Amino acid sequence: MSFGGFARRVRDPALPHAWRVSALRSCVRLYRPIGFEATLSFLRAKAGPFRTDEAALLRALAVLEASRTAWQEEKRVYAQGRRRAKRRGERSPRPGEVNPYRPSHWYGARREAALHAVGFWYRRRPAVLVSGGDGLSTVLWECVLACLDSGGRLTPAQGQRLAGCVERLTALQAGYRDGGPAERVRDLLTVARHLEALAEVRVRP
């Protein structure tokens, strides 16, 4: 079923509340710009206890739909720009040009959602950030603590270390297949991207 189909189920007062909550979770599976669990957590923070409250459930859906609509608009603008570029003979995107077809942040509340996601990983998945002996976890842990302490700000030196960390994780991810190391690198890179959104450090592979 499509996002719109699940959204209609969320709004349907004739359905049991638990079914409507399940439909919202299905919406999030289809659009989860900061990850599935972190997105649900952010919706609870913005809308209230949607698992038990109908008004909060409808607010949560509205928050999610607003972000998704903004994302779709950015995709539309990007596609128009690519069509114009192709008519000029530019067949491939320029180096560093960000392709929005896969959402990388929360549209409409980028920094707020990124800070929430960093806090979510700090509270719910701290082992990811303190495991391993390659130095990458150490850098990310320091950046996480600095962001949470400062409300999302990093010093220029911390931003540079974060940029280097993103580059190394991106290279590692390209060399791994499925399995334990690949999952750990993926998780670390997820946290690094949230930090990147906060620090506004635009490092792309």
N, C-alpha and C. Protein backbone atom coordinates (compact mmCIF):
# COMPACT_ATOMS: atom_id res chain seq x y z
N MET A 1 0.84 -1.19 0.00
CA MET A 1 0.00 0.00 0.00
C MET A 1 0.88 1.24 0.00
N SER A 2 0.38 2.32 -0.58
CA SER A 2 1.13 3.56 -0.69
C SER A 2 1.10 4.35 0.61
N PHE A 3 1.96 5.37 0.69
CA PHE A 3 1.95 6.27 1.85
C PHE A 3 0.56 6.88 2.03
N GLY A 4 -0.03 7.34 0.93
CA GLY A 4 -1.35 7.96 1.03
C GLY A 4 -2.41 6.99 1.53
N GLY A 5 -2.32 5.73 1.10
CA GLY A 5 -3.29 4.74 1.57
C GLY A 5 -3.18 4.50 3.06
N PHE A 6 -1.96 4.39 3.56
CA PHE A 6 -1.79 4.22 5.01
C PHE A 6 -2.24 5.48 5.76
N ALA A 7 -1.97 6.66 5.18
CA ALA A 7 -2.39 7.91 5.83
C ALA A 7 -3.91 7.97 5.97
N ARG A 8 -4.63 7.50 4.96
CA ARG A 8 -6.09 7.48 5.05
C ARG A 8 -6.55 6.56 6.17
N ARG A 9 -5.85 5.46 6.38
CA ARG A 9 -6.20 4.58 7.49
C ARG A 9 -5.95 5.26 8.84
N VAL A 10 -4.87 6.02 8.93
CA VAL A 10 -4.60 6.75 10.18
C VAL A 10 -5.75 7.68 10.50
N ARG A 11 -6.33 8.30 9.49
CA ARG A 11 -7.39 9.29 9.70
C ARG A 11 -8.78 8.67 9.85
N ASP A 12 -8.90 7.40 9.61
CA ASP A 12 -10.23 6.75 9.58
C ASP A 12 -10.72 6.49 11.02
N PRO A 13 -11.71 7.26 11.50
CA PRO A 13 -12.18 7.08 12.89
C PRO A 13 -12.95 5.78 13.08
N ALA A 14 -13.32 5.12 11.99
CA ALA A 14 -14.06 3.86 12.12
C ALA A 14 -13.14 2.69 12.47
N LEU A 15 -11.84 2.87 12.30
CA LEU A 15 -10.89 1.80 12.60
C LEU A 15 -10.50 1.83 14.07
N PRO A 16 -10.17 0.68 14.65
CA PRO A 16 -9.64 0.67 16.03
C PRO A 16 -8.36 1.50 16.11
N HIS A 17 -8.17 2.15 17.25
CA HIS A 17 -7.02 3.04 17.40
C HIS A 17 -5.70 2.29 17.15
N ALA A 18 -5.60 1.07 17.62
CA ALA A 18 -4.36 0.31 17.43
C ALA A 18 -4.06 0.10 15.95
N TRP A 19 -5.09 -0.10 15.14
CA TRP A 19 -4.88 -0.26 13.70
C TRP A 19 -4.39 1.04 13.09
N ARG A 20 -4.91 2.15 13.57
CA ARG A 20 -4.50 3.46 13.04
C ARG A 20 -3.05 3.76 13.41
N VAL A 21 -2.66 3.37 14.62
CA VAL A 21 -1.25 3.53 15.03
C VAL A 21 -0.36 2.67 14.14
N SER A 22 -0.81 1.44 13.88
CA SER A 22 -0.04 0.56 12.99
C SER A 22 0.09 1.17 11.60
N ALA A 23 -0.95 1.83 11.13
CA ALA A 23 -0.89 2.49 9.82
C ALA A 23 0.11 3.63 9.83
N LEU A 24 0.18 4.38 10.95
CA LEU A 24 1.18 5.44 11.05
C LEU A 24 2.59 4.84 10.99
N ARG A 25 2.80 3.73 11.68
CA ARG A 25 4.11 3.08 11.63
C ARG A 25 4.44 2.64 10.21
N SER A 26 3.42 2.23 9.45
CA SER A 26 3.66 1.86 8.05
C SER A 26 4.03 3.10 7.22
N CYS A 27 3.41 4.23 7.52
CA CYS A 27 3.81 5.49 6.86
C CYS A 27 5.29 5.78 7.13
N VAL A 28 5.69 5.57 8.38
CA VAL A 28 7.08 5.85 8.75
C VAL A 28 8.04 4.87 8.06
N ARG A 29 7.60 3.64 7.86
CA ARG A 29 8.46 2.69 7.13
C ARG A 29 8.72 3.18 5.70
N LEU A 30 7.75 3.89 5.13
CA LEU A 30 7.90 4.39 3.77
C LEU A 30 8.61 5.74 3.73
N TYR A 31 8.56 6.50 4.81
CA TYR A 31 9.25 7.80 4.87
C TYR A 31 9.84 7.95 6.27
N ARG A 32 11.12 7.69 6.39
CA ARG A 32 11.80 7.73 7.69
C ARG A 32 13.13 8.49 7.53
N PRO A 33 13.06 9.81 7.40
CA PRO A 33 14.25 10.59 7.05
C PRO A 33 15.36 10.54 8.08
N ILE A 34 15.05 10.23 9.35
CA ILE A 34 16.12 10.13 10.35
C ILE A 34 16.17 8.71 10.93
N GLY A 35 15.63 7.74 10.20
CA GLY A 35 15.61 6.36 10.68
C GLY A 35 14.25 6.03 11.28
N PHE A 36 13.88 4.76 11.26
CA PHE A 36 12.54 4.36 11.67
C PHE A 36 12.26 4.70 13.13
N GLU A 37 13.06 4.17 14.05
CA GLU A 37 12.80 4.39 15.47
C GLU A 37 12.99 5.85 15.86
N ALA A 38 14.00 6.50 15.31
CA ALA A 38 14.23 7.91 15.64
C ALA A 38 13.10 8.78 15.11
N THR A 39 12.56 8.43 13.94
CA THR A 39 11.43 9.19 13.40
C THR A 39 10.20 9.05 14.30
N LEU A 40 9.91 7.83 14.74
CA LEU A 40 8.78 7.64 15.66
C LEU A 40 9.00 8.42 16.95
N SER A 41 10.22 8.41 17.45
CA SER A 41 10.53 9.15 18.67
C SER A 41 10.33 10.65 18.47
N PHE A 42 10.76 11.17 17.33
CA PHE A 42 10.60 12.59 17.04
C PHE A 42 9.11 12.95 16.93
N LEU A 43 8.33 12.07 16.31
CA LEU A 43 6.89 12.33 16.20
C LEU A 43 6.23 12.37 17.58
N ARG A 44 6.65 11.48 18.47
CA ARG A 44 6.11 11.52 19.84
C ARG A 44 6.48 12.82 20.52
N ALA A 45 7.71 13.28 20.32
CA ALA A 45 8.15 14.53 20.94
C ALA A 45 7.37 15.73 20.39
N LYS A 46 7.04 15.70 19.11
CA LYS A 46 6.35 16.83 18.48
C LYS A 46 4.84 16.79 18.69
N ALA A 47 4.27 15.57 18.70
CA ALA A 47 2.80 15.45 18.66
C ALA A 47 2.18 14.96 19.95
N GLY A 48 2.96 14.28 20.78
CA GLY A 48 2.40 13.72 22.00
C GLY A 48 2.24 12.22 21.92
N PRO A 49 1.57 11.62 22.90
CA PRO A 49 1.45 10.15 23.00
C PRO A 49 0.46 9.57 22.00
N PHE A 50 0.89 9.46 20.74
CA PHE A 50 -0.05 9.05 19.69
C PHE A 50 -0.50 7.60 19.82
N ARG A 51 0.20 6.80 20.61
CA ARG A 51 -0.24 5.41 20.79
C ARG A 51 -1.58 5.33 21.54
N THR A 52 -1.87 6.34 22.34
CA THR A 52 -3.08 6.29 23.15
C THR A 52 -4.03 7.45 22.91
N ASP A 53 -3.59 8.48 22.22
CA ASP A 53 -4.39 9.70 22.07
C ASP A 53 -4.65 9.98 20.59
N GLU A 54 -5.92 10.09 20.22
CA GLU A 54 -6.27 10.28 18.80
C GLU A 54 -5.78 11.62 18.27
N ALA A 55 -5.96 12.67 19.06
CA ALA A 55 -5.51 13.98 18.59
C ALA A 55 -4.01 13.99 18.34
N ALA A 56 -3.25 13.34 19.23
CA ALA A 56 -1.80 13.25 19.05
C ALA A 56 -1.46 12.44 17.81
N LEU A 57 -2.24 11.39 17.55
CA LEU A 57 -2.01 10.56 16.36
C LEU A 57 -2.18 11.39 15.09
N LEU A 58 -3.22 12.19 15.04
CA LEU A 58 -3.45 13.03 13.86
C LEU A 58 -2.38 14.11 13.74
N ARG A 59 -1.93 14.65 14.89
CA ARG A 59 -0.84 15.64 14.83
C ARG A 59 0.44 14.99 14.30
N ALA A 60 0.72 13.78 14.76
CA ALA A 60 1.94 13.09 14.31
C ALA A 60 1.90 12.87 12.81
N LEU A 61 0.76 12.46 12.29
CA LEU A 61 0.64 12.26 10.85
C LEU A 61 0.85 13.57 10.11
N ALA A 62 0.27 14.66 10.64
CA ALA A 62 0.42 15.96 9.98
C ALA A 62 1.89 16.40 9.95
N VAL A 63 2.63 16.16 11.03
CA VAL A 63 4.05 16.50 11.08
C VAL A 63 4.82 15.69 10.04
N LEU A 64 4.52 14.40 9.97
CA LEU A 64 5.21 13.54 9.01
C LEU A 64 4.87 13.93 7.58
N GLU A 65 3.60 14.20 7.32
CA GLU A 65 3.19 14.58 5.96
C GLU A 65 3.81 15.90 5.54
N ALA A 66 3.92 16.86 6.45
CA ALA A 66 4.51 18.15 6.10
C ALA A 66 5.96 17.97 5.68
N SER A 67 6.71 17.14 6.39
CA SER A 67 8.10 16.89 6.02
C SER A 67 8.18 16.18 4.68
N ARG A 68 7.34 15.18 4.49
CA ARG A 68 7.36 14.43 3.24
C ARG A 68 6.99 15.33 2.05
N THR A 69 6.03 16.22 2.24
CA THR A 69 5.64 17.14 1.18
C THR A 69 6.80 18.06 0.80
N ALA A 70 7.51 18.57 1.82
CA ALA A 70 8.67 19.42 1.55
C ALA A 70 9.76 18.64 0.81
N TRP A 71 9.95 17.38 1.19
CA TRP A 71 10.93 16.53 0.50
C TRP A 71 10.53 16.33 -0.96
N GLN A 72 9.25 16.05 -1.21
CA GLN A 72 8.80 15.84 -2.58
C GLN A 72 8.96 17.10 -3.42
N GLU A 73 8.76 18.26 -2.81
CA GLU A 73 8.96 19.51 -3.54
C GLU A 73 10.43 19.68 -3.89
N GLU A 74 11.34 19.34 -2.98
CA GLU A 74 12.77 19.44 -3.29
C GLU A 74 13.14 18.47 -4.41
N LYS A 75 12.56 17.28 -4.41
CA LYS A 75 12.81 16.34 -5.51
C LYS A 75 12.32 16.92 -6.83
N ARG A 76 11.16 17.56 -6.80
CA ARG A 76 10.60 18.15 -8.03
C ARG A 76 11.53 19.23 -8.57
N VAL A 77 12.00 20.11 -7.68
CA VAL A 77 12.90 21.18 -8.11
C VAL A 77 14.21 20.61 -8.64
N TYR A 78 14.72 19.58 -7.96
CA TYR A 78 15.96 18.95 -8.41
C TYR A 78 15.78 18.33 -9.80
N ALA A 79 14.66 17.65 -10.03
CA ALA A 79 14.41 17.02 -11.32
C ALA A 79 14.33 18.08 -12.43
N GLN A 80 13.69 19.20 -12.14
CA GLN A 80 13.62 20.28 -13.12
C GLN A 80 15.02 20.79 -13.46
N GLY A 81 15.84 20.97 -12.43
CA GLY A 81 17.20 21.43 -12.65
C GLY A 81 18.02 20.45 -13.46
N ARG A 82 17.84 19.15 -13.19
CA ARG A 82 18.57 18.14 -13.95
C ARG A 82 18.14 18.14 -15.42
N ARG A 83 16.85 18.32 -15.66
CA ARG A 83 16.38 18.36 -17.06
C ARG A 83 17.00 19.54 -17.80
N ARG A 84 17.07 20.70 -17.13
CA ARG A 84 17.69 21.86 -17.77
C ARG A 84 19.18 21.61 -18.02
N ALA A 85 19.85 20.98 -17.03
CA ALA A 85 21.27 20.70 -17.19
C ALA A 85 21.52 19.74 -18.34
N LYS A 86 20.67 18.74 -18.50
CA LYS A 86 20.84 17.78 -19.60
C LYS A 86 20.65 18.45 -20.95
N ARG A 87 19.73 19.43 -21.01
CA ARG A 87 19.56 20.15 -22.28
C ARG A 87 20.80 20.97 -22.62
N ARG A 88 21.58 21.35 -21.57
CA ARG A 88 22.84 22.07 -21.81
C ARG A 88 23.98 21.11 -22.08
N GLY A 89 23.70 19.81 -22.05
CA GLY A 89 24.75 18.83 -22.31
C GLY A 89 25.40 18.27 -21.07
N GLU A 90 24.93 18.64 -19.89
CA GLU A 90 25.50 18.13 -18.64
C GLU A 90 24.75 16.85 -18.27
N ARG A 91 25.28 15.71 -18.71
CA ARG A 91 24.57 14.45 -18.54
C ARG A 91 24.64 13.91 -17.11
N SER A 92 25.66 14.27 -16.37
CA SER A 92 25.83 13.77 -15.00
C SER A 92 25.79 14.93 -14.03
N PRO A 93 25.31 14.69 -12.79
CA PRO A 93 25.32 15.75 -11.78
C PRO A 93 26.73 16.26 -11.51
N ARG A 94 26.85 17.49 -11.12
CA ARG A 94 28.15 18.06 -10.80
C ARG A 94 28.70 17.45 -9.51
N PRO A 95 30.02 17.38 -9.38
CA PRO A 95 30.61 16.86 -8.13
C PRO A 95 30.11 17.66 -6.92
N GLY A 96 29.70 16.94 -5.90
CA GLY A 96 29.20 17.59 -4.69
C GLY A 96 27.73 17.96 -4.72
N GLU A 97 27.08 17.79 -5.89
CA GLU A 97 25.65 18.09 -5.97
C GLU A 97 24.85 17.03 -5.22
N VAL A 98 24.01 17.46 -4.29
CA VAL A 98 23.27 16.54 -3.44
C VAL A 98 21.99 16.08 -4.14
N ASN A 99 21.84 14.78 -4.27
CA ASN A 99 20.65 14.20 -4.88
C ASN A 99 19.62 13.93 -3.78
N PRO A 100 18.46 14.58 -3.82
CA PRO A 100 17.49 14.45 -2.72
C PRO A 100 16.56 13.24 -2.85
N TYR A 101 16.79 12.36 -3.80
CA TYR A 101 15.83 11.27 -3.99
C TYR A 101 15.80 10.31 -2.81
N ARG A 102 16.86 10.25 -2.05
CA ARG A 102 16.83 9.50 -0.80
C ARG A 102 16.94 10.52 0.33
N PRO A 103 15.89 10.69 1.15
CA PRO A 103 15.94 11.75 2.18
C PRO A 103 17.07 11.51 3.17
N SER A 104 17.84 12.57 3.41
CA SER A 104 19.00 12.46 4.31
C SER A 104 18.80 13.24 5.60
N HIS A 105 17.70 13.97 5.69
CA HIS A 105 17.41 14.75 6.89
C HIS A 105 15.91 15.02 6.94
N TRP A 106 15.48 15.63 8.04
CA TRP A 106 14.05 15.95 8.20
C TRP A 106 13.78 17.29 7.52
N TYR A 107 12.98 17.25 6.48
CA TYR A 107 12.67 18.46 5.73
C TYR A 107 11.69 19.32 6.54
N GLY A 108 12.07 20.59 6.68
CA GLY A 108 11.26 21.52 7.43
C GLY A 108 11.70 21.71 8.87
N ALA A 109 12.49 20.78 9.40
CA ALA A 109 12.99 20.91 10.78
C ALA A 109 14.33 20.18 10.86
N ARG A 110 15.22 20.52 9.97
CA ARG A 110 16.46 19.75 9.81
C ARG A 110 17.27 19.67 11.09
N ARG A 111 17.58 20.83 11.67
CA ARG A 111 18.45 20.83 12.85
C ARG A 111 17.73 20.27 14.07
N GLU A 112 16.48 20.62 14.24
CA GLU A 112 15.72 20.13 15.40
C GLU A 112 15.64 18.60 15.38
N ALA A 113 15.33 18.04 14.22
CA ALA A 113 15.21 16.59 14.11
C ALA A 113 16.57 15.91 14.24
N ALA A 114 17.61 16.53 13.68
CA ALA A 114 18.95 15.94 13.79
C ALA A 114 19.40 15.91 15.25
N LEU A 115 19.14 16.98 15.99
CA LEU A 115 19.51 17.01 17.39
C LEU A 115 18.74 15.95 18.16
N HIS A 116 17.46 15.79 17.84
CA HIS A 116 16.66 14.75 18.49
C HIS A 116 17.23 13.37 18.18
N ALA A 117 17.62 13.16 16.91
CA ALA A 117 18.16 11.86 16.52
C ALA A 117 19.48 11.57 17.23
N VAL A 118 20.33 12.58 17.37
CA VAL A 118 21.59 12.39 18.10
C VAL A 118 21.30 12.00 19.54
N GLY A 119 20.35 12.69 20.16
CA GLY A 119 19.96 12.35 21.52
C GLY A 119 19.36 10.97 21.62
N PHE A 120 18.61 10.57 20.60
CA PHE A 120 18.02 9.23 20.56
C PHE A 120 19.11 8.17 20.56
N TRP A 121 20.11 8.33 19.73
CA TRP A 121 21.21 7.36 19.69
C TRP A 121 21.99 7.36 21.00
N TYR A 122 22.16 8.53 21.59
CA TYR A 122 22.88 8.64 22.86
C TYR A 122 22.14 7.89 23.96
N ARG A 123 20.81 7.99 23.98
CA ARG A 123 20.01 7.35 25.03
C ARG A 123 19.76 5.88 24.76
N ARG A 124 19.44 5.55 23.50
CA ARG A 124 18.95 4.21 23.18
C ARG A 124 20.01 3.27 22.63
N ARG A 125 21.04 3.80 21.96
CA ARG A 125 22.03 2.94 21.34
C ARG A 125 23.44 3.38 21.66
N PRO A 126 23.76 3.66 22.92
CA PRO A 126 25.11 4.19 23.23
C PRO A 126 26.23 3.21 22.92
N ALA A 127 25.95 1.90 22.97
CA ALA A 127 27.01 0.92 22.73
C ALA A 127 27.61 1.08 21.35
N VAL A 128 26.81 1.52 20.38
CA VAL A 128 27.32 1.72 19.02
C VAL A 128 28.42 2.77 19.02
N LEU A 129 28.27 3.78 19.89
CA LEU A 129 29.18 4.92 19.87
C LEU A 129 30.42 4.71 20.71
N VAL A 130 30.44 3.71 21.54
CA VAL A 130 31.61 3.52 22.41
C VAL A 130 32.32 2.21 22.13
N SER A 131 31.86 1.45 21.13
CA SER A 131 32.49 0.18 20.81
C SER A 131 33.55 0.38 19.74
N GLY A 132 34.44 -0.61 19.62
CA GLY A 132 35.46 -0.56 18.59
C GLY A 132 36.68 0.21 19.04
N GLY A 133 37.80 -0.09 18.42
CA GLY A 133 39.05 0.56 18.80
C GLY A 133 39.72 1.27 17.66
N ASP A 134 38.94 1.69 16.65
CA ASP A 134 39.54 2.30 15.46
C ASP A 134 39.58 3.82 15.52
N GLY A 135 39.12 4.41 16.59
CA GLY A 135 39.15 5.86 16.73
C GLY A 135 37.91 6.54 16.19
N LEU A 136 37.16 5.89 15.32
CA LEU A 136 35.97 6.51 14.74
C LEU A 136 34.89 6.71 15.79
N SER A 137 34.70 5.69 16.62
CA SER A 137 33.70 5.81 17.69
C SER A 137 34.07 6.93 18.65
N THR A 138 35.37 7.06 18.94
CA THR A 138 35.82 8.10 19.86
C THR A 138 35.48 9.49 19.34
N VAL A 139 35.74 9.71 18.04
CA VAL A 139 35.44 11.01 17.43
C VAL A 139 33.95 11.29 17.49
N LEU A 140 33.14 10.30 17.12
CA LEU A 140 31.70 10.50 17.11
C LEU A 140 31.16 10.72 18.52
N TRP A 141 31.67 9.96 19.48
CA TRP A 141 31.22 10.13 20.87
C TRP A 141 31.51 11.54 21.36
N GLU A 142 32.71 12.05 21.06
CA GLU A 142 33.06 13.41 21.46
C GLU A 142 32.13 14.43 20.79
N CYS A 143 31.83 14.22 19.51
CA CYS A 143 30.94 15.14 18.80
C CYS A 143 29.51 15.06 19.32
N VAL A 144 29.05 13.86 19.65
CA VAL A 144 27.71 13.69 20.21
C VAL A 144 27.60 14.45 21.53
N LEU A 145 28.58 14.26 22.41
CA LEU A 145 28.55 14.95 23.71
C LEU A 145 28.60 16.46 23.53
N ALA A 146 29.44 16.93 22.59
CA ALA A 146 29.56 18.36 22.36
C ALA A 146 28.25 18.93 21.82
N CYS A 147 27.60 18.21 20.89
CA CYS A 147 26.34 18.69 20.32
C CYS A 147 25.24 18.74 21.38
N LEU A 148 25.15 17.70 22.18
CA LEU A 148 24.10 17.67 23.20
C LEU A 148 24.34 18.74 24.26
N ASP A 149 25.60 19.02 24.54
CA ASP A 149 25.93 20.02 25.55
C ASP A 149 25.69 21.44 25.05
N SER A 150 25.88 21.65 23.74
CA SER A 150 25.82 23.00 23.19
C SER A 150 24.53 23.28 22.42
N GLY A 151 23.62 22.30 22.37
CA GLY A 151 22.40 22.49 21.60
C GLY A 151 22.61 22.31 20.11
N GLY A 152 23.66 21.57 19.74
CA GLY A 152 23.86 21.25 18.33
C GLY A 152 25.04 21.91 17.67
N ARG A 153 25.85 22.64 18.42
CA ARG A 153 26.98 23.34 17.81
C ARG A 153 28.27 22.53 17.99
N LEU A 154 29.12 22.63 16.99
CA LEU A 154 30.47 22.07 17.05
C LEU A 154 31.48 23.16 16.78
N THR A 155 32.65 23.06 17.39
CA THR A 155 33.73 23.99 17.08
C THR A 155 34.26 23.67 15.69
N PRO A 156 34.98 24.60 15.06
CA PRO A 156 35.57 24.30 13.75
C PRO A 156 36.47 23.06 13.78
N ALA A 157 37.23 22.89 14.86
CA ALA A 157 38.10 21.71 14.95
C ALA A 157 37.28 20.43 15.03
N GLN A 158 36.20 20.46 15.81
CA GLN A 158 35.34 19.29 15.89
C GLN A 158 34.66 19.00 14.55
N GLY A 159 34.28 20.07 13.85
CA GLY A 159 33.69 19.89 12.53
C GLY A 159 34.66 19.24 11.56
N GLN A 160 35.93 19.62 11.64
CA GLN A 160 36.93 19.01 10.77
C GLN A 160 37.12 17.54 11.09
N ARG A 161 37.14 17.21 12.38
CA ARG A 161 37.28 15.79 12.75
C ARG A 161 36.06 15.00 12.30
N LEU A 162 34.88 15.62 12.42
CA LEU A 162 33.68 14.94 11.96
C LEU A 162 33.74 14.71 10.45
N ALA A 163 34.20 15.70 9.69
CA ALA A 163 34.29 15.54 8.24
C ALA A 163 35.22 14.39 7.87
N GLY A 164 36.36 14.30 8.56
CA GLY A 164 37.27 13.20 8.30
C GLY A 164 36.66 11.86 8.66
N CYS A 165 35.89 11.84 9.72
CA CYS A 165 35.22 10.62 10.16
C CYS A 165 34.20 10.17 9.12
N VAL A 166 33.44 11.10 8.56
CA VAL A 166 32.46 10.76 7.54
C VAL A 166 33.15 10.17 6.31
N GLU A 167 34.26 10.76 5.92
CA GLU A 167 34.99 10.26 4.75
C GLU A 167 35.49 8.84 4.98
N ARG A 168 36.04 8.59 6.17
CA ARG A 168 36.55 7.25 6.47
C ARG A 168 35.43 6.22 6.54
N LEU A 169 34.33 6.59 7.17
CA LEU A 169 33.19 5.66 7.26
C LEU A 169 32.59 5.37 5.89
N THR A 170 32.53 6.39 5.04
CA THR A 170 31.99 6.18 3.69
C THR A 170 32.88 5.21 2.92
N ALA A 171 34.19 5.36 3.06
CA ALA A 171 35.12 4.45 2.38
C ALA A 171 34.99 3.04 2.94
N LEU A 172 34.86 2.91 4.26
CA LEU A 172 34.70 1.59 4.86
C LEU A 172 33.41 0.93 4.41
N GLN A 173 32.35 1.70 4.35
CA GLN A 173 31.06 1.15 3.95
C GLN A 173 31.12 0.58 2.54
N ALA A 174 31.85 1.24 1.66
CA ALA A 174 31.96 0.75 0.28
C ALA A 174 32.69 -0.59 0.21
N GLY A 175 33.53 -0.89 1.21
CA GLY A 175 34.31 -2.11 1.17
C GLY A 175 33.71 -3.28 1.91
N TYR A 176 32.62 -3.04 2.66
CA TYR A 176 32.01 -4.11 3.45
C TYR A 176 30.78 -4.67 2.77
N ARG A 177 30.54 -5.96 3.02
CA ARG A 177 29.26 -6.56 2.66
C ARG A 177 28.42 -6.66 3.93
N ASP A 178 27.31 -7.40 3.85
CA ASP A 178 26.45 -7.54 5.01
C ASP A 178 27.19 -8.27 6.13
N GLY A 179 26.79 -7.99 7.37
CA GLY A 179 27.41 -8.65 8.51
C GLY A 179 27.70 -7.66 9.61
N GLY A 180 28.31 -8.15 10.67
CA GLY A 180 28.55 -7.34 11.85
C GLY A 180 29.32 -6.05 11.58
N PRO A 181 30.53 -6.12 10.96
CA PRO A 181 31.27 -4.88 10.70
C PRO A 181 30.50 -3.91 9.82
N ALA A 182 29.81 -4.42 8.81
CA ALA A 182 29.06 -3.54 7.91
C ALA A 182 27.93 -2.84 8.66
N GLU A 183 27.25 -3.55 9.56
CA GLU A 183 26.16 -2.95 10.32
C GLU A 183 26.69 -1.87 11.26
N ARG A 184 27.84 -2.14 11.88
CA ARG A 184 28.41 -1.14 12.78
C ARG A 184 28.80 0.12 12.00
N VAL A 185 29.43 -0.04 10.85
CA VAL A 185 29.82 1.11 10.04
C VAL A 185 28.58 1.88 9.60
N ARG A 186 27.53 1.16 9.20
CA ARG A 186 26.29 1.82 8.79
C ARG A 186 25.71 2.63 9.94
N ASP A 187 25.69 2.07 11.14
CA ASP A 187 25.15 2.78 12.30
C ASP A 187 25.99 4.02 12.62
N LEU A 188 27.31 3.87 12.59
CA LEU A 188 28.18 5.02 12.87
C LEU A 188 27.98 6.10 11.82
N LEU A 189 27.84 5.71 10.57
CA LEU A 189 27.64 6.70 9.52
C LEU A 189 26.29 7.40 9.67
N THR A 190 25.28 6.68 10.14
CA THR A 190 23.98 7.30 10.40
C THR A 190 24.12 8.40 11.44
N VAL A 191 24.80 8.10 12.54
CA VAL A 191 25.01 9.11 13.58
C VAL A 191 25.83 10.28 13.02
N ALA A 192 26.86 9.96 12.25
CA ALA A 192 27.71 11.01 11.68
C ALA A 192 26.90 11.93 10.77
N ARG A 193 25.96 11.39 10.02
CA ARG A 193 25.14 12.23 9.14
C ARG A 193 24.23 13.15 9.95
N HIS A 194 23.70 12.65 11.07
CA HIS A 194 22.91 13.53 11.94
C HIS A 194 23.77 14.66 12.47
N LEU A 195 24.98 14.34 12.89
CA LEU A 195 25.90 15.37 13.38
C LEU A 195 26.25 16.35 12.26
N GLU A 196 26.43 15.82 11.08
CA GLU A 196 26.74 16.65 9.92
C GLU A 196 25.63 17.65 9.65
N ALA A 197 24.37 17.19 9.77
CA ALA A 197 23.23 18.08 9.56
C ALA A 197 23.22 19.20 10.60
N LEU A 198 23.61 18.87 11.82
CA LEU A 198 23.66 19.88 12.87
C LEU A 198 24.79 20.87 12.64
N ALA A 199 25.96 20.33 12.30
CA ALA A 199 27.14 21.18 12.15
C ALA A 199 27.17 21.88 10.81
N GLU A 200 26.26 21.48 9.90
CA GLU A 200 26.22 22.04 8.56
C GLU A 200 27.55 21.86 7.85
N VAL A 201 28.15 20.70 8.07
CA VAL A 201 29.38 20.32 7.38
C VAL A 201 28.95 19.44 6.21
N ARG A 202 29.11 19.92 5.01
CA ARG A 202 28.59 19.21 3.85
C ARG A 202 29.68 18.34 3.24
N VAL A 203 29.83 17.15 3.76
CA VAL A 203 30.79 16.20 3.24
C VAL A 203 30.01 15.10 2.56
N ARG A 204 30.30 14.87 1.30
CA ARG A 204 29.58 13.85 0.55
C ARG A 204 30.58 12.95 -0.16
N PRO A 205 30.22 11.65 -0.32
CA PRO A 205 31.13 10.75 -1.05
C PRO A 205 31.19 11.14 -2.52
